Amino acid sequence: MFKNLRAAKPALFLLLTLLTFYTMNAQSTNPNPVLHKTQQVDSVQLFYREAGDPSKPTLLLLHGFPSSSFMFRNLIPLLKNHYHVIAPDYPGFGFSDAPSPEKFEYTYENFSVLLEKFLAIKKIEKFHLYIFDYGAPVGMRLIQRRPEMLLSLISQNGNIYMDGIGELLKKSGQQAASDKEEDKKEVYKLFELPFMKWKYTNGVSDPSKISPDGYNLDALLMARPGNKEIQYLLRRNYKTNLAEYPKWQETLRRLQPRVLVIWGANDEVFIKEGAEAFKRDFKNLEFHLYPTGHFVLEEYYEDAASRILSFLANTKS
């Protein structure tokens, strides 16, 4: 699980170790614990969190940038008694392997293919899909190929509309598309602690509710040798998602799944207009804006869990 992490800052490595073992030990007497597992998929060892009865409907949680399945640490315990919950880490994120770009091509398409193989190994044929940030292009590519797998859609700042692209994302996209060294350096700043802290805390209603665990853990994992280049390649690849937006919208319009939107109204990365855009396409839509930023679950995980459970209870599985 901690492969290559000791090359990162020792203090942060110690923090990560304590956080992980505290979480595991706190669950040791729980009859329905959150499990921490790995699964070999092709040449990549994927880490994932899993909880709940596998015979119940599956809720697939897909994380974004710069996070990992750790972002669902507070949400999963509130859902696990009702659903089979599973949250994988992509290659280069969380505790999954981070193979070099020479050994693995870092694209959202490849992430989705790997995810499809992972679900096949787990014998998961249908699921309720929760998309956040990078989870949107990963999850929607899978649904584009396998629409029969989708039971319902929950979008938490998971954008699929041009309306939702904020100025910050437009600027970093232009810099990533450039071949100038000074632009690459600017993009690299997105993979460092100050930006990660900003992304977690910008626009929140109460900064004291934001635990430093999340952004410090992200910074530690980004500090692994070679990881910033991996993230840079993914940022360059994001433009391929924009071209797919109309196709994803058309697929979802045809499927007309029940949709729950829970969105941070003050998010400057995927702005609230991206949330509002869902209203154009779906007849059966629940919509909730929160007075917070990008990471809704850092402040409002209890309310979000309540809305998710209510939404899923009224959704055919």
Protein backbone atom coordinates (compact mmCIF):
# COMPACT_ATOMS: atom_id res chain seq x y z
CA MET A 1 0.00 0.00 0.00
CA PHE A 2 2.85 2.41 0.80
CA LYS A 3 4.99 1.60 -2.25
CA ASN A 4 7.22 4.58 -3.19
CA LEU A 5 5.73 6.77 -0.45
CA ARG A 6 8.88 6.92 1.66
CA ALA A 7 10.44 8.99 -1.10
CA ALA A 8 7.95 11.72 -0.15
CA LYS A 9 8.30 14.00 2.88
CA PRO A 10 8.85 11.87 6.03
CA ALA A 11 6.49 13.95 8.19
CA LEU A 12 3.65 13.52 5.73
CA PHE A 13 4.42 9.83 5.38
CA LEU A 14 4.07 9.50 9.15
CA LEU A 15 0.78 11.40 9.04
CA LEU A 16 -0.52 9.08 6.32
CA THR A 17 0.53 5.98 8.26
CA LEU A 18 -1.19 7.14 11.44
CA LEU A 19 -4.37 8.11 9.57
CA THR A 20 -4.61 4.80 7.78
CA PHE A 21 -3.99 2.56 10.78
CA TYR A 22 -6.25 4.67 13.01
CA THR A 23 -9.09 4.20 10.52
CA MET A 24 -8.48 0.45 10.21
CA ASN A 25 -8.16 -0.13 13.96
CA ALA A 26 -11.25 1.96 14.74
CA GLN A 27 -13.26 -0.47 12.63
CA SER A 28 -11.81 -3.70 14.01
CA THR A 29 -14.90 -4.51 16.10
CA ASN A 30 -17.44 -3.21 13.59
CA PRO A 31 -19.65 -6.04 12.23
CA ASN A 32 -19.95 -4.20 8.92
CA PRO A 33 -16.56 -2.49 8.46
CA VAL A 34 -15.23 -0.52 5.54
CA LEU A 35 -12.72 -2.85 3.91
CA HIS A 36 -9.47 -1.71 2.30
CA LYS A 37 -8.44 -4.00 -0.56
CA THR A 38 -6.33 -4.27 -3.68
CA GLN A 39 -7.08 -5.92 -7.01
CA GLN A 40 -4.71 -6.69 -9.85
CA VAL A 41 -6.18 -5.42 -13.15
CA ASP A 42 -3.88 -6.08 -16.10
CA SER A 43 -0.51 -4.76 -14.92
CA VAL A 44 -1.93 -2.33 -12.34
CA GLN A 45 -2.64 -3.00 -8.69
CA LEU A 46 -5.77 -1.00 -7.83
CA PHE A 47 -6.62 -0.02 -4.28
CA TYR A 48 -10.30 0.28 -3.35
CA ARG A 49 -12.63 0.73 -0.40
CA GLU A 50 -15.62 -1.57 -0.11
CA ALA A 51 -18.45 -1.90 2.38
CA GLY A 52 -21.90 -3.36 2.67
CA ASP A 53 -23.61 -6.52 1.47
CA PRO A 54 -22.61 -7.39 -2.15
CA SER A 55 -26.10 -8.84 -2.69
CA LYS A 56 -27.54 -5.34 -2.33
CA PRO A 57 -27.49 -2.74 -5.15
CA THR A 58 -24.04 -1.34 -5.80
CA LEU A 59 -23.15 2.33 -5.43
CA LEU A 60 -19.95 3.09 -7.34
CA LEU A 61 -18.10 6.17 -6.03
CA LEU A 62 -15.61 7.78 -8.44
CA HIS A 63 -13.21 10.36 -7.02
CA GLY A 64 -11.65 13.36 -8.69
CA PHE A 65 -8.51 15.49 -8.61
CA PRO A 66 -6.39 15.77 -6.52
CA SER A 67 -8.21 13.33 -4.29
CA SER A 68 -8.71 9.57 -3.98
CA SER A 69 -11.26 7.25 -2.42
CA PHE A 70 -10.20 8.86 0.88
CA MET A 71 -12.60 11.69 0.02
CA PHE A 72 -15.48 9.26 0.73
CA ARG A 73 -14.20 8.30 4.21
CA ASN A 74 -17.12 10.02 5.95
CA LEU A 75 -19.79 9.13 3.40
CA ILE A 76 -19.28 5.37 3.07
CA PRO A 77 -20.08 4.54 6.74
CA LEU A 78 -23.44 6.32 6.36
CA LEU A 79 -24.39 4.32 3.26
CA LYS A 80 -22.91 0.87 3.88
CA ASN A 81 -25.85 -0.61 5.82
CA HIS A 82 -28.16 0.07 2.90
CA TYR A 83 -26.02 -0.52 -0.20
CA HIS A 84 -22.96 -2.29 -1.48
CA VAL A 85 -20.52 0.62 -1.73
CA ILE A 86 -17.27 0.49 -3.66
CA ALA A 87 -14.72 3.26 -4.33
CA PRO A 88 -11.55 2.56 -6.34
CA ASP A 89 -8.44 4.72 -6.71
CA TYR A 90 -7.27 5.40 -10.28
CA PRO A 91 -3.66 4.63 -11.27
CA GLY A 92 -1.46 7.46 -10.00
CA PHE A 93 -3.95 8.36 -7.26
CA GLY A 94 -4.46 7.24 -3.68
CA PHE A 95 -2.90 3.88 -2.89
CA SER A 96 -3.14 2.40 -6.38
CA ASP A 97 -0.02 1.75 -8.41
CA ALA A 98 1.49 4.68 -10.27
CA PRO A 99 3.26 3.05 -13.22
CA SER A 100 5.45 5.27 -15.37
CA PRO A 101 3.90 6.78 -18.52
CA GLU A 102 6.11 4.41 -20.51
CA LYS A 103 4.23 1.47 -18.97
CA PHE A 104 0.72 2.95 -18.75
CA GLU A 105 -0.90 5.62 -20.91
CA TYR A 106 -2.58 8.12 -18.62
CA THR A 107 -5.85 8.99 -20.33
CA TYR A 108 -9.44 9.09 -19.11
CA GLU A 109 -10.29 6.47 -21.72
CA ASN A 110 -7.72 4.07 -20.25
CA PHE A 111 -9.00 4.75 -16.75
CA SER A 112 -12.51 3.83 -17.88
CA VAL A 113 -11.33 0.64 -19.57
CA LEU A 114 -9.45 -0.37 -16.43
CA LEU A 115 -12.55 0.41 -14.35
CA GLU A 116 -14.70 -1.76 -16.62
CA LYS A 117 -12.29 -4.68 -16.19
CA PHE A 118 -12.24 -4.11 -12.43
CA LEU A 119 -16.06 -4.27 -12.27
CA ALA A 120 -16.04 -7.45 -14.34
CA ILE A 121 -13.62 -9.07 -11.88
CA LYS A 122 -15.90 -7.98 -9.03
CA LYS A 123 -18.91 -9.38 -10.95
CA ILE A 124 -20.70 -6.02 -10.77
CA GLU A 125 -23.10 -5.76 -13.70
CA LYS A 126 -25.21 -2.76 -12.66
CA PHE A 127 -24.63 0.18 -10.35
CA HIS A 128 -25.76 3.57 -9.14
CA LEU A 129 -23.00 5.92 -10.28
CA TYR A 130 -21.58 8.79 -8.19
CA ILE A 131 -19.33 11.08 -10.24
CA PHE A 132 -17.10 13.84 -8.90
CA ASP A 133 -14.59 15.93 -10.88
CA TYR A 134 -12.38 13.47 -12.86
CA GLY A 135 -14.92 10.79 -11.96
CA ALA A 136 -17.28 12.34 -14.53
CA PRO A 137 -15.17 11.62 -17.65
CA VAL A 138 -14.14 8.24 -16.29
CA GLY A 139 -17.66 7.16 -15.40
CA MET A 140 -19.32 8.63 -18.48
CA ARG A 141 -16.90 6.91 -20.83
CA LEU A 142 -17.89 3.62 -19.22
CA ILE A 143 -21.60 4.42 -19.52
CA GLN A 144 -21.11 5.43 -23.15
CA ARG A 145 -19.87 1.89 -23.85
CA ARG A 146 -22.08 0.06 -21.36
CA PRO A 147 -25.31 2.05 -20.85
CA GLU A 148 -27.11 -1.02 -19.50
CA MET A 149 -24.97 -0.86 -16.36
CA LEU A 150 -26.38 2.46 -15.15
CA LEU A 151 -29.16 2.40 -12.54
CA SER A 152 -29.06 6.09 -11.59
CA LEU A 153 -26.66 9.03 -11.63
CA ILE A 154 -25.43 11.20 -8.76
CA SER A 155 -23.31 14.18 -9.80
CA GLN A 156 -21.39 16.00 -7.10
CA ASN A 157 -19.50 18.70 -8.99
CA GLY A 158 -19.15 16.11 -11.74
CA ASN A 159 -19.34 18.21 -14.88
CA ILE A 160 -20.50 17.12 -18.35
CA TYR A 161 -21.50 20.54 -19.78
CA MET A 162 -19.43 23.39 -21.22
CA ASP A 163 -21.55 25.66 -19.00
CA GLY A 164 -19.68 24.27 -15.98
CA ILE A 165 -16.11 25.07 -17.06
CA GLY A 166 -14.76 27.83 -14.80
CA GLU A 167 -12.12 30.39 -15.78
CA LEU A 168 -9.49 28.60 -13.70
CA LEU A 169 -10.02 25.38 -15.65
CA LYS A 170 -9.99 27.22 -18.98
CA LYS A 171 -6.69 28.90 -18.12
CA SER A 172 -4.98 25.70 -16.96
CA GLY A 173 -6.28 23.94 -20.07
CA GLN A 174 -4.66 26.55 -22.29
CA GLN A 175 -1.41 26.27 -20.35
CA ALA A 176 -1.45 22.46 -20.54
CA ALA A 177 -2.01 22.60 -24.30
CA SER A 178 1.03 24.85 -24.68
CA ASP A 179 4.49 23.47 -25.31
CA LYS A 180 6.16 26.38 -23.51
CA GLU A 181 8.21 25.48 -20.46
CA GLU A 182 6.85 28.43 -18.46
CA ASP A 183 3.28 27.22 -19.04
CA LYS A 184 4.19 23.71 -17.94
CA LYS A 185 5.63 25.15 -14.70
CA GLU A 186 2.34 26.95 -14.06
CA VAL A 187 0.38 23.72 -14.53
CA TYR A 188 2.76 21.93 -12.16
CA LYS A 189 1.72 24.39 -9.42
CA LEU A 190 -1.70 22.70 -9.45
CA PHE A 191 -0.04 19.57 -8.08
CA GLU A 192 1.44 21.23 -5.00
CA LEU A 193 0.08 21.75 -1.48
CA PRO A 194 -0.92 25.46 -1.71
CA PHE A 195 -3.29 24.83 -4.61
CA MET A 196 -4.67 21.66 -3.06
CA LYS A 197 -5.40 23.50 0.19
CA TRP A 198 -7.09 26.28 -1.81
CA LYS A 199 -9.21 23.75 -3.69
CA TYR A 200 -10.45 22.24 -0.42
CA THR A 201 -11.05 25.55 1.38
CA ASN A 202 -12.05 28.07 -1.27
CA GLY A 203 -15.73 29.00 -1.08
CA VAL A 204 -16.52 26.97 2.04
CA SER A 205 -19.05 28.24 4.56
CA ASP A 206 -16.88 27.41 7.59
CA PRO A 207 -13.12 26.82 7.14
CA SER A 208 -12.89 25.23 10.60
CA LYS A 209 -14.94 22.28 9.29
CA ILE A 210 -12.28 21.44 6.70
CA SER A 211 -9.89 18.85 8.07
CA PRO A 212 -6.30 19.22 6.84
CA ASP A 213 -6.12 15.44 6.40
CA GLY A 214 -7.48 15.53 2.85
CA TYR A 215 -5.26 18.09 1.20
CA ASN A 216 -2.14 16.99 3.10
CA LEU A 217 -2.72 13.38 2.07
CA ASP A 218 -3.21 14.49 -1.54
CA ALA A 219 0.01 16.48 -1.39
CA LEU A 220 1.91 13.50 -0.03
CA LEU A 221 0.70 11.23 -2.79
CA MET A 222 1.38 13.84 -5.46
CA ALA A 223 4.96 14.03 -4.15
CA ARG A 224 5.72 10.47 -5.22
CA PRO A 225 8.55 10.39 -7.77
CA GLY A 226 7.16 10.94 -11.27
CA ASN A 227 3.61 11.65 -10.14
CA LYS A 228 3.51 15.29 -11.16
CA GLU A 229 4.33 14.31 -14.73
CA ILE A 230 1.47 11.80 -14.60
CA GLN A 231 -0.90 14.54 -13.44
CA TYR A 232 0.39 16.87 -16.15
CA LEU A 233 -0.38 14.28 -18.82
CA LEU A 234 -3.90 13.90 -17.46
CA ARG A 235 -4.39 17.67 -17.48
CA ARG A 236 -3.32 17.75 -21.13
CA ASN A 237 -5.71 14.89 -21.87
CA TYR A 238 -8.69 16.70 -20.32
CA LYS A 239 -9.44 18.46 -23.62
CA THR A 240 -10.59 15.09 -25.00
CA ASN A 241 -13.43 15.17 -22.47
CA LEU A 242 -14.82 18.43 -23.82
CA ALA A 243 -15.27 16.85 -27.24
CA GLU A 244 -17.22 14.00 -25.62
CA TYR A 245 -19.63 16.17 -23.61
CA PRO A 246 -22.34 16.27 -26.34
CA LYS A 247 -22.17 12.48 -26.76
CA TRP A 248 -22.54 11.89 -23.01
CA GLN A 249 -25.45 14.30 -22.84
CA GLU A 250 -27.19 12.56 -25.73
CA THR A 251 -26.68 9.13 -24.14
CA LEU A 252 -28.14 10.31 -20.84
CA ARG A 253 -31.05 12.06 -22.55
CA ARG A 254 -31.86 8.77 -24.24
CA LEU A 255 -31.51 6.72 -21.06
CA GLN A 256 -33.31 9.28 -18.84
CA PRO A 257 -31.96 7.87 -15.55
CA ARG A 258 -33.03 9.40 -12.27
CA VAL A 259 -30.44 12.07 -11.47
CA LEU A 260 -29.39 13.63 -8.19
CA VAL A 261 -27.27 16.81 -8.37
CA ILE A 262 -25.46 17.86 -5.19
CA TRP A 263 -23.10 20.71 -5.99
CA GLY A 264 -20.95 23.27 -4.24
CA ALA A 265 -22.36 26.60 -5.40
CA ASN A 266 -19.05 28.42 -4.81
CA ASP A 267 -16.87 25.99 -6.79
CA GLU A 268 -14.56 27.96 -9.09
CA VAL A 269 -13.36 24.88 -10.97
CA PHE A 270 -16.69 23.41 -12.06
CA ILE A 271 -19.03 26.34 -11.60
CA LYS A 272 -22.68 26.08 -10.60
CA GLU A 273 -23.88 26.69 -14.17
CA GLY A 274 -22.72 23.14 -14.84
CA ALA A 275 -25.13 21.94 -12.18
CA GLU A 276 -27.97 24.04 -13.57
CA ALA A 277 -27.38 22.57 -17.04
CA PHE A 278 -28.63 19.16 -15.86
CA LYS A 279 -32.10 20.69 -15.61
CA ARG A 280 -32.26 20.98 -19.40
CA ASP A 281 -32.02 17.27 -20.06
CA PHE A 282 -33.65 15.28 -17.28
CA LYS A 283 -37.31 14.80 -16.40
CA ASN A 284 -36.63 13.05 -13.10
CA LEU A 285 -34.10 15.28 -11.37
CA GLU A 286 -33.37 16.18 -7.75
CA PHE A 287 -31.23 19.29 -7.34
CA HIS A 288 -29.36 20.67 -4.32
CA LEU A 289 -26.81 23.48 -4.17
CA TYR A 290 -24.68 23.80 -1.03
CA PRO A 291 -23.01 27.01 0.22
CA THR A 292 -19.54 25.55 -0.18
CA GLY A 293 -16.78 24.95 -2.72
CA HIS A 294 -15.46 22.00 -4.70
CA PHE A 295 -15.47 19.34 -1.97
CA VAL A 296 -19.07 19.25 -0.75
CA LEU A 297 -18.46 16.15 1.38
CA GLU A 298 -15.87 17.92 3.53
CA GLU A 299 -18.61 20.14 5.02
CA TYR A 300 -21.94 18.50 4.23
CA TYR A 301 -21.39 14.74 4.10
CA GLU A 302 -24.21 14.02 6.58
CA ASP A 303 -26.79 16.00 4.65
CA ALA A 304 -25.49 14.61 1.36
CA ALA A 305 -25.77 11.05 2.71
CA SER A 306 -29.35 11.69 3.77
CA ARG A 307 -30.26 13.00 0.32
CA ILE A 308 -28.47 10.11 -1.40
CA LEU A 309 -30.31 7.51 0.69
CA SER A 310 -33.65 9.18 0.04
CA PHE A 311 -32.91 9.42 -3.68
CA LEU A 312 -31.78 5.81 -4.00
CA ALA A 313 -34.73 4.52 -1.96
CA ASN A 314 -36.99 5.93 -4.66
CA THR A 315 -34.92 4.56 -7.54
CA LYS A 316 -35.56 1.19 -9.13
CA SER A 317 -32.49 -1.06 -8.78
